[in-house]
Protein backbone atom coordinates (compact mmCIF):
# COMPACT_ATOMS: atom_id res chain seq x y z
CA MET A 1 -28.27 88.09 12.35
CA ALA A 2 -24.75 88.37 10.53
CA ARG A 3 -22.18 85.00 10.77
CA ILE A 4 -19.02 87.30 11.52
CA ALA A 5 -15.66 85.15 10.96
CA PHE A 6 -12.28 85.88 13.39
CA PHE A 7 -9.16 85.75 11.88
CA ASN A 8 -5.78 86.33 14.17
CA ILE A 9 -2.01 85.22 14.21
CA PRO A 10 -1.08 82.90 17.53
CA ALA A 11 -0.80 85.72 20.14
CA HIS A 12 -2.68 86.54 23.32
CA GLY A 13 -1.90 89.99 23.16
CA HIS A 14 -3.88 90.05 19.53
CA THR A 15 -5.79 88.02 20.96
CA ASN A 16 -7.00 89.71 23.81
CA PRO A 17 -8.57 92.80 22.70
CA THR A 18 -11.11 91.04 20.50
CA LEU A 19 -12.68 89.15 23.48
CA GLY A 20 -15.06 91.75 24.74
CA VAL A 21 -15.36 92.21 20.98
CA VAL A 22 -16.11 88.89 19.86
CA ARG A 23 -19.05 88.91 23.53
CA GLU A 24 -20.47 92.19 22.46
CA LEU A 25 -20.83 90.65 19.06
CA ILE A 26 -23.18 87.84 20.91
CA SER A 27 -24.72 89.44 23.25
CA ARG A 28 -26.08 90.82 20.42
CA GLY A 29 -27.41 88.04 18.49
CA HIS A 30 -24.41 87.43 15.77
CA SER A 31 -22.70 84.33 14.85
CA VAL A 32 -18.90 84.77 15.51
CA SER A 33 -16.26 81.53 14.34
CA TYR A 34 -12.52 82.33 15.42
CA TYR A 35 -10.10 81.13 13.61
CA SER A 36 -6.63 80.63 15.48
CA TYR A 37 -4.95 78.24 16.95
CA GLU A 38 -4.99 75.37 19.50
CA SER A 39 -2.77 77.76 22.32
CA LEU A 40 -5.43 80.12 22.53
CA ARG A 41 -8.64 77.68 21.84
CA GLU A 42 -9.75 78.16 25.38
CA LYS A 43 -9.86 81.78 25.63
CA ILE A 44 -11.72 82.12 22.35
CA GLU A 45 -14.66 79.15 23.27
CA ALA A 46 -15.22 81.22 26.64
CA ALA A 47 -16.00 84.04 25.60
CA GLY A 48 -19.00 81.92 23.18
CA ALA A 49 -17.26 81.91 19.88
CA ARG A 50 -16.95 79.04 17.47
CA PHE A 51 -13.65 77.79 17.01
CA ILE A 52 -11.16 76.08 14.51
CA ALA A 53 -8.04 75.76 14.61
CA CYS A 54 -5.73 76.92 11.97
CA ASP A 55 -2.54 74.64 13.85
CA ALA A 56 -2.79 71.84 11.19
CA TYR A 57 -2.70 73.25 7.96
CA ASP A 58 0.54 75.79 8.36
CA ALA A 59 2.74 73.30 10.91
CA GLN A 60 4.91 72.51 8.33
CA LEU A 61 6.60 76.20 8.72
CA GLY A 62 8.33 74.77 11.82
CA LEU A 63 8.32 78.14 14.14
CA GLY A 64 10.52 78.34 17.29
CA PRO A 65 10.58 80.61 19.66
CA GLU A 66 13.75 82.28 17.98
CA ASP A 67 11.58 82.68 15.02
CA GLY A 68 9.09 85.12 16.56
CA ALA A 69 12.30 87.24 17.27
CA ARG A 70 13.56 87.57 14.31
CA ILE A 71 10.21 88.00 12.51
CA ALA A 72 9.68 91.12 14.91
CA ARG A 73 13.29 92.75 13.13
CA ASP A 74 13.31 90.98 9.61
CA THR A 75 10.70 92.29 6.87
CA ALA A 76 11.37 89.82 4.32
CA PHE A 77 11.40 87.15 6.73
CA SER A 78 7.91 88.56 8.25
CA ILE A 79 6.37 88.69 4.55
CA HIS A 80 7.59 85.49 3.73
CA VAL A 81 6.40 83.86 6.79
CA LEU A 82 2.73 85.78 5.60
CA VAL A 83 2.85 84.29 2.53
CA GLU A 84 4.15 80.90 3.42
CA THR A 85 0.62 81.04 6.26
CA THR A 86 -1.39 82.76 3.48
CA LEU A 87 -0.30 80.06 0.75
CA ALA A 88 -0.86 77.05 3.78
CA LEU A 89 -4.11 77.63 4.74
CA ASP A 90 -5.62 78.82 1.02
CA THR A 91 -8.11 76.05 0.86
CA MET A 92 -9.72 75.75 4.05
CA VAL A 93 -9.85 79.56 4.48
CA CYS A 94 -11.23 79.59 1.63
CA ARG A 95 -13.69 76.34 1.40
CA GLU A 96 -14.29 77.51 5.59
CA MET A 97 -15.62 81.06 4.18
CA GLU A 98 -17.61 79.11 0.90
CA ARG A 99 -19.57 76.94 2.75
CA GLU A 100 -20.17 79.46 5.74
CA ARG A 101 -20.42 82.60 3.50
CA PRO A 102 -19.80 85.20 6.70
CA ASP A 103 -21.13 88.78 5.96
CA CYS A 104 -17.77 90.20 6.85
CA ILE A 105 -14.47 88.94 8.18
CA VAL A 106 -12.01 90.78 11.05
CA ALA A 107 -9.10 90.30 10.93
CA ASP A 108 -5.77 91.11 13.23
CA SER A 109 -3.92 92.92 11.37
CA MET A 110 -0.74 90.27 10.89
CA ALA A 111 -2.95 87.78 9.55
CA VAL A 112 -2.85 88.48 6.03
CA TRP A 113 -4.66 85.64 5.13
CA GLY A 114 -7.93 87.08 6.48
CA LYS A 115 -7.25 90.40 4.52
CA ALA A 116 -6.52 88.05 1.34
CA ALA A 117 -9.45 85.64 1.87
CA ALA A 118 -11.59 88.63 2.57
CA LEU A 119 -10.05 90.25 -0.94
CA LYS A 120 -10.17 87.13 -3.11
CA LEU A 121 -14.01 86.22 -2.17
CA GLY A 122 -15.24 89.93 -2.03
CA VAL A 123 -16.10 89.36 1.82
CA PRO A 124 -16.81 93.20 3.52
CA PHE A 125 -13.10 93.39 5.35
CA VAL A 126 -12.09 95.18 9.37
CA SER A 127 -8.62 94.97 10.34
CA SER A 128 -8.08 94.54 13.50
CA THR A 129 -4.95 96.21 14.52
CA THR A 130 -4.07 96.23 18.58
CA THR A 131 -1.19 98.38 17.85
CA PHE A 132 -0.51 102.09 17.10
CA ALA A 133 -2.22 102.51 13.32
CA PHE A 134 0.67 103.61 11.08
CA ASN A 135 0.85 106.07 8.25
CA ARG A 136 3.24 107.87 6.02
CA GLU A 137 3.29 110.61 9.79
CA SER A 138 2.68 107.60 12.42
CA ALA A 139 5.21 105.63 11.25
CA LYS A 140 8.08 108.19 11.60
CA LEU A 141 7.93 107.18 15.78
CA MET A 142 8.81 103.95 14.44
CA LYS A 143 12.91 104.50 14.60
CA GLN A 144 14.53 101.95 11.94
CA SER A 145 18.58 102.08 12.49
CA LEU A 146 20.55 102.32 8.96
CA SER A 147 21.09 98.64 8.40
CA ARG A 148 17.90 97.46 9.39
CA THR A 149 16.48 100.38 6.81
CA MET A 150 19.51 99.33 4.12
CA ALA A 151 18.47 95.88 4.48
CA MET A 152 15.01 96.51 3.79
CA LEU A 153 15.94 98.41 0.47
CA LEU A 154 17.87 95.85 -0.18
CA SER A 155 15.03 93.24 0.58
CA ILE A 156 12.66 94.41 -1.87
CA PRO A 157 12.75 92.30 -4.58
CA LYS A 158 12.67 89.79 -2.70
CA MET A 159 9.67 91.15 -0.63
CA ASN A 160 7.71 91.35 -3.90
CA LYS A 161 8.81 87.80 -5.41
CA ASP A 162 6.60 86.43 -2.21
CA VAL A 163 3.67 88.80 -3.03
CA ARG A 164 3.66 87.36 -6.89
CA ARG A 165 2.73 83.58 -5.58
CA LEU A 166 0.09 85.08 -4.06
CA GLU A 167 -1.35 86.88 -7.03
CA LYS A 168 -0.94 83.45 -9.49
CA MET A 169 -3.46 82.13 -6.64
CA GLY A 170 -5.97 84.13 -7.71
CA TYR A 171 -5.74 87.25 -4.65
CA PRO A 172 -5.26 90.61 -5.27
CA ILE A 173 -2.04 92.21 -3.80
CA LYS A 174 -0.08 93.96 -5.92
CA SER A 175 3.00 94.29 -3.39
CA PHE A 176 4.17 93.81 -0.20
CA LEU A 177 3.48 97.09 1.66
CA GLN A 178 -0.31 96.01 0.55
CA LEU A 179 -0.34 93.65 2.30
CA ILE A 180 1.30 94.55 5.65
CA SER A 181 -0.54 97.80 5.83
CA ASN A 182 -4.07 99.39 5.53
CA ASP A 183 -4.31 102.10 3.34
CA ARG A 184 -7.08 105.43 3.98
CA ASP A 185 -10.27 103.21 2.69
CA THR A 186 -9.63 100.39 4.80
CA ASP A 187 -12.46 100.04 7.41
CA THR A 188 -9.77 99.60 10.49
CA ILE A 189 -10.80 99.06 14.51
CA VAL A 190 -7.88 100.61 16.99
CA TYR A 191 -7.94 99.37 20.35
CA THR A 192 -6.41 102.82 21.97
CA SER A 193 -7.86 106.39 21.89
CA PRO A 194 -7.52 109.12 19.65
CA GLU A 195 -6.04 111.12 22.80
CA PHE A 196 -2.60 108.39 22.24
CA GLN A 197 -2.47 107.53 19.28
CA PRO A 198 0.59 109.32 17.20
CA CYS A 199 -0.31 111.55 14.20
CA TYR A 200 -4.20 110.81 15.34
CA GLU A 201 -5.57 113.82 12.66
CA SER A 202 -3.17 111.91 9.96
CA PHE A 203 -6.10 109.24 9.82
CA SER A 204 -9.59 109.35 7.80
CA GLU A 205 -12.98 108.37 9.10
CA LYS A 206 -12.62 104.65 8.44
CA TYR A 207 -10.22 104.32 11.86
CA SER A 208 -11.96 103.52 14.75
CA PHE A 209 -10.45 104.55 17.59
CA VAL A 210 -12.35 102.54 20.56
CA GLY A 211 -9.85 102.36 23.56
CA PRO A 212 -8.24 99.31 24.86
CA CYS A 213 -10.35 96.48 25.86
CA ILE A 214 -8.84 96.21 28.96
CA LEU A 215 -10.14 92.19 30.57
CA PRO A 216 -10.85 92.88 34.51
CA PRO A 217 -8.67 91.41 37.31
CA ALA A 218 -8.82 87.65 37.55
CA SER A 219 -8.19 87.77 41.66
CA SER A 220 -7.03 90.43 43.67
CA PHE A 221 -3.65 91.38 44.64
CA GLU A 222 -2.49 92.48 48.04
CA LYS A 223 -0.07 95.15 48.09
CA LYS A 224 2.23 95.17 51.46
CA LYS A 225 4.16 99.00 51.24
CA GLU A 226 3.22 101.92 50.13
CA LYS A 227 4.98 101.74 46.95
CA LEU A 228 4.63 99.26 44.59
CA VAL A 229 7.33 98.98 41.37
CA TYR A 230 6.45 95.58 39.23
CA ILE A 231 8.60 94.62 36.06
CA SER A 232 8.29 92.56 33.49
CA MET A 233 9.33 92.17 30.07
CA GLY A 234 6.62 90.33 28.66
CA THR A 235 6.00 86.90 27.75
CA VAL A 236 7.69 86.29 24.26
CA ASN A 237 11.22 87.52 24.72
CA ASN A 238 11.52 87.45 28.14
CA ASN A 239 14.29 85.56 28.46
CA MET A 240 16.96 88.13 30.15
CA PRO A 241 18.19 87.28 32.94
CA GLU A 242 20.96 90.15 33.89
CA VAL A 243 18.44 92.74 33.07
CA TYR A 244 16.16 91.13 36.43
CA LYS A 245 19.69 90.41 37.98
CA ASN A 246 19.99 94.34 37.54
CA CYS A 247 16.24 95.16 38.70
CA ILE A 248 16.84 93.31 42.26
CA ALA A 249 20.30 95.14 42.78
CA ALA A 250 18.44 97.89 42.63
CA ALA A 251 15.63 97.63 43.87
CA ALA A 252 17.32 95.67 47.36
CA ASP A 253 17.31 98.58 49.86
CA MET A 254 14.51 100.29 47.97
CA ASP A 255 11.54 101.46 50.21
CA ALA A 256 8.96 99.16 48.36
CA GLN A 257 7.46 96.15 47.22
CA VAL A 258 9.28 94.89 43.87
CA LEU A 259 6.87 92.37 41.83
CA ILE A 260 9.32 90.28 39.36
CA SER A 261 6.93 88.53 36.86
CA ALA A 262 9.96 86.59 34.63
CA GLY A 263 8.18 83.31 32.54
CA ALA A 264 10.71 80.39 33.26
CA LEU A 265 13.80 82.45 35.21
CA ALA A 266 11.71 82.59 38.11
CA ASP A 267 12.18 78.42 38.52
CA GLY A 268 15.31 77.52 40.12
CA ASP A 269 17.76 80.20 41.38
CA ALA A 270 18.79 81.72 38.24
CA LEU A 271 18.45 84.87 39.53
CA GLY A 272 20.22 84.20 42.44
CA GLU A 273 19.46 85.05 46.49
CA LEU A 274 16.49 87.73 46.49
CA PRO A 275 16.02 90.63 49.31
CA GLU A 276 13.04 90.63 51.25
CA ASN A 277 10.91 93.11 49.24
CA VAL A 278 11.70 91.31 45.90
CA GLN A 279 9.58 88.44 44.80
CA VAL A 280 9.71 86.53 41.59
CA ARG A 281 6.94 84.42 39.87
CA ARG A 282 6.02 82.73 36.47
CA TRP A 283 3.36 84.42 36.10
CA VAL A 284 1.03 87.22 37.75
CA ASP A 285 -2.71 88.35 36.81
CA GLN A 286 -1.77 91.06 35.49
CA THR A 287 -4.47 93.68 35.82
CA ALA A 288 -4.78 92.58 39.21
CA VAL A 289 -1.03 93.62 39.98
CA LEU A 290 -1.20 96.86 37.80
CA LYS A 291 -4.28 98.32 39.58
CA GLU A 292 -2.57 98.68 42.51
CA THR A 293 0.84 99.36 41.20
CA ASP A 294 2.57 103.09 41.11
CA VAL A 295 5.72 102.11 39.26
CA PHE A 296 5.25 99.45 35.69
CA LEU A 297 9.42 98.43 34.46
CA SER A 298 8.39 97.28 30.26
CA HIS A 299 8.85 96.57 27.55
CA CYS A 300 6.49 98.82 25.87
CA GLY A 301 4.30 95.42 24.51
CA MET A 302 0.87 97.47 23.68
CA ASN A 303 -1.41 96.18 25.82
CA SER A 304 1.44 95.78 28.66
CA ALA A 305 1.58 99.69 28.44
CA SER A 306 -2.10 100.44 27.93
CA GLU A 307 -2.91 97.84 30.93
CA SER A 308 -0.83 100.44 32.27
CA LEU A 309 -1.64 103.61 31.76
CA TYR A 310 -5.59 102.57 32.29
CA PHE A 311 -4.88 102.34 36.00
CA GLY A 312 -2.67 105.38 36.13
CA ALA A 313 0.64 103.55 36.77
CA PRO A 314 3.49 105.44 35.05
CA LEU A 315 6.05 103.47 33.26
CA LEU A 316 9.56 102.81 33.24
CA CYS A 317 10.39 101.44 29.01
CA TYR A 318 12.88 99.08 27.61
CA PRO A 319 11.39 98.35 24.78
CA GLN A 320 13.18 95.66 22.72
CA THR A 321 11.18 96.25 19.26
CA ALA A 322 10.70 99.43 16.88
CA GLU A 323 6.70 98.52 17.78
CA GLN A 324 7.41 98.54 20.97
CA GLY A 325 10.14 101.83 21.01
CA ALA A 326 7.45 104.28 19.05
CA VAL A 327 4.62 103.29 22.23
CA ALA A 328 7.79 104.33 24.25
CA GLU A 329 8.22 107.02 22.51
CA ARG A 330 4.60 108.26 23.24
CA ILE A 331 5.00 107.36 26.47
CA ARG A 332 7.38 109.94 27.00
CA GLN A 333 5.89 112.17 25.35
CA LEU A 334 2.87 112.52 26.69
CA GLY A 335 4.38 113.02 29.87
CA ALA A 336 3.36 109.55 31.31
CA GLY A 337 6.62 108.00 31.41
CA ALA A 338 10.56 106.89 30.47
CA ALA A 339 13.28 105.18 29.17
CA LEU A 340 16.11 103.77 30.72
CA SER A 341 19.16 104.41 28.83
CA SER A 342 20.50 101.25 30.16
CA ALA A 343 19.77 98.90 31.58
CA SER A 344 22.29 98.45 34.77
CA ALA A 345 21.68 98.62 38.32
CA ALA A 346 22.20 102.57 38.45
CA ASP A 347 19.90 103.50 35.52
CA ILE A 348 17.53 101.46 36.78
CA ARG A 349 17.22 102.41 40.15
CA ALA A 350 17.54 106.39 38.96
CA GLY A 351 14.69 105.84 36.95
CA LEU A 352 12.71 104.30 39.18
CA GLU A 353 13.14 106.68 42.17
CA LEU A 354 12.32 109.45 39.07
CA LEU A 355 8.96 107.94 38.53
CA MET A 356 8.11 107.07 42.74
CA GLU A 357 8.68 110.79 43.45
CA ASN A 358 7.63 112.73 40.53
CA GLY A 359 3.92 113.20 40.90
CA SER A 360 3.91 114.57 37.36
CA TYR A 361 4.43 111.36 35.09
CA LYS A 362 1.26 109.44 37.24
CA LEU A 363 -0.81 112.18 36.61
CA ASN A 364 -0.85 112.23 32.56
CA ALA A 365 -0.77 108.11 32.94
CA GLU A 366 -4.26 108.91 34.53
CA LYS A 367 -5.10 111.35 31.91
CA ILE A 368 -4.45 108.97 29.41
CA GLY A 369 -6.56 105.67 31.19
CA GLU A 370 -9.52 108.45 31.17
CA SER A 371 -9.42 109.18 27.72
CA PHE A 372 -9.57 104.88 27.65
CA ARG A 373 -12.11 105.21 29.44
CA ARG A 374 -14.41 107.47 27.56
CA CYS A 375 -13.96 105.36 24.43
CA GLY A 376 -16.60 103.16 22.66
CA GLY A 377 -14.40 99.91 23.52
CA ALA A 378 -15.99 96.63 22.24
CA LYS A 379 -19.65 98.28 22.21
CA ALA A 380 -17.89 100.76 19.65
CA ALA A 381 -16.06 97.89 17.43
CA ALA A 382 -19.09 96.23 17.64
CA ASP A 383 -20.82 98.99 16.18
CA LYS A 384 -18.33 99.12 12.79
CA ILE A 385 -18.20 95.77 12.23
CA GLU A 386 -22.11 95.79 12.31
CA SER A 387 -21.95 98.51 9.91
CA MET A 388 -19.81 97.36 7.58
CA ILE A 389 -22.75 93.97 7.06
CA THR A 390 -24.63 94.41 4.49
CA GLY A 391 -28.27 94.73 4.91
CA LEU A 392 -27.71 94.24 8.76
CA HIS A 393 -30.93 96.24 9.52
CA ASN A 394 -33.20 93.08 7.36
CA LEU A 395 -31.68 90.83 10.05
């Protein structure tokens, strides 16, 4: 039996793809400890892992919802948060790792404290990447504005100053790029298929593209019309009342069932009176809905986009971050969806009608879904982790 430690950030989208891997490793007789946050405890423990809470150690950061949005757009701020978190968790993580002596550390690409601990303690390391894998070639897909590019360049001295604080604590990290990116020699699990990954051929054999680990629906969803339109802007930055109102106006006389997952905006009358064919809910069982969906209007978070394509539903893309923009651009390149030019009711209506009436989008979405199913999924990810454990054949 091997001892494996997982590290992750407090985000469902980064955690969900790993849960099937945890179950697979445990079914093979391994012991898994999972370092995460209380908001994820229930689902991590349900997967069979030993849960270790990190909340108390980095509570001094005091990050709020607005900081989550800032992290997505401000590289210098995100580096500062990552360094502060790594230093805050240093004593606990290193103490735990020295006590537990894991055979392998698996850390989300954003949970850099796991990667830093592996480097510091000399433990075999695997990066868990729930977005596209990025290198010089694929990063070109992430279009940054000139102002953001200039801001990042001007912030390089500040970011490297933050990283030097890690060096002083014994972490062999020389630059902010080494902290947030993987080189060709880093063993990496990527939860997408070679066909969907941009510039797949530019990555080394160290990268294992295992496909998305889609959680099975926990319920069933009743489709009441021939066409179903599903609309969601995710669970993090979904406070978009005007966008949802325009969606409702666009769908008012459409011959389709329309379901909107709007978080807290679903409560009360924030979105006004609803047409007969439109439902607004606070939360839905997304995979159950997507199994029946004909068009998905989405922010194009990687998990949401992967789930949609897995079930062959084309996407109308309305990305909010550079990372989501890269996913949307790949969907457009492969003909599995289209991008909104604006969030006006007229443009939303035109986009929905285009995807419902032109069958090529659905066919291309189904092709990508087939490529996902051809990958090894959780079993392939577990194989990759096992390959990193020295002397596994003697266990």
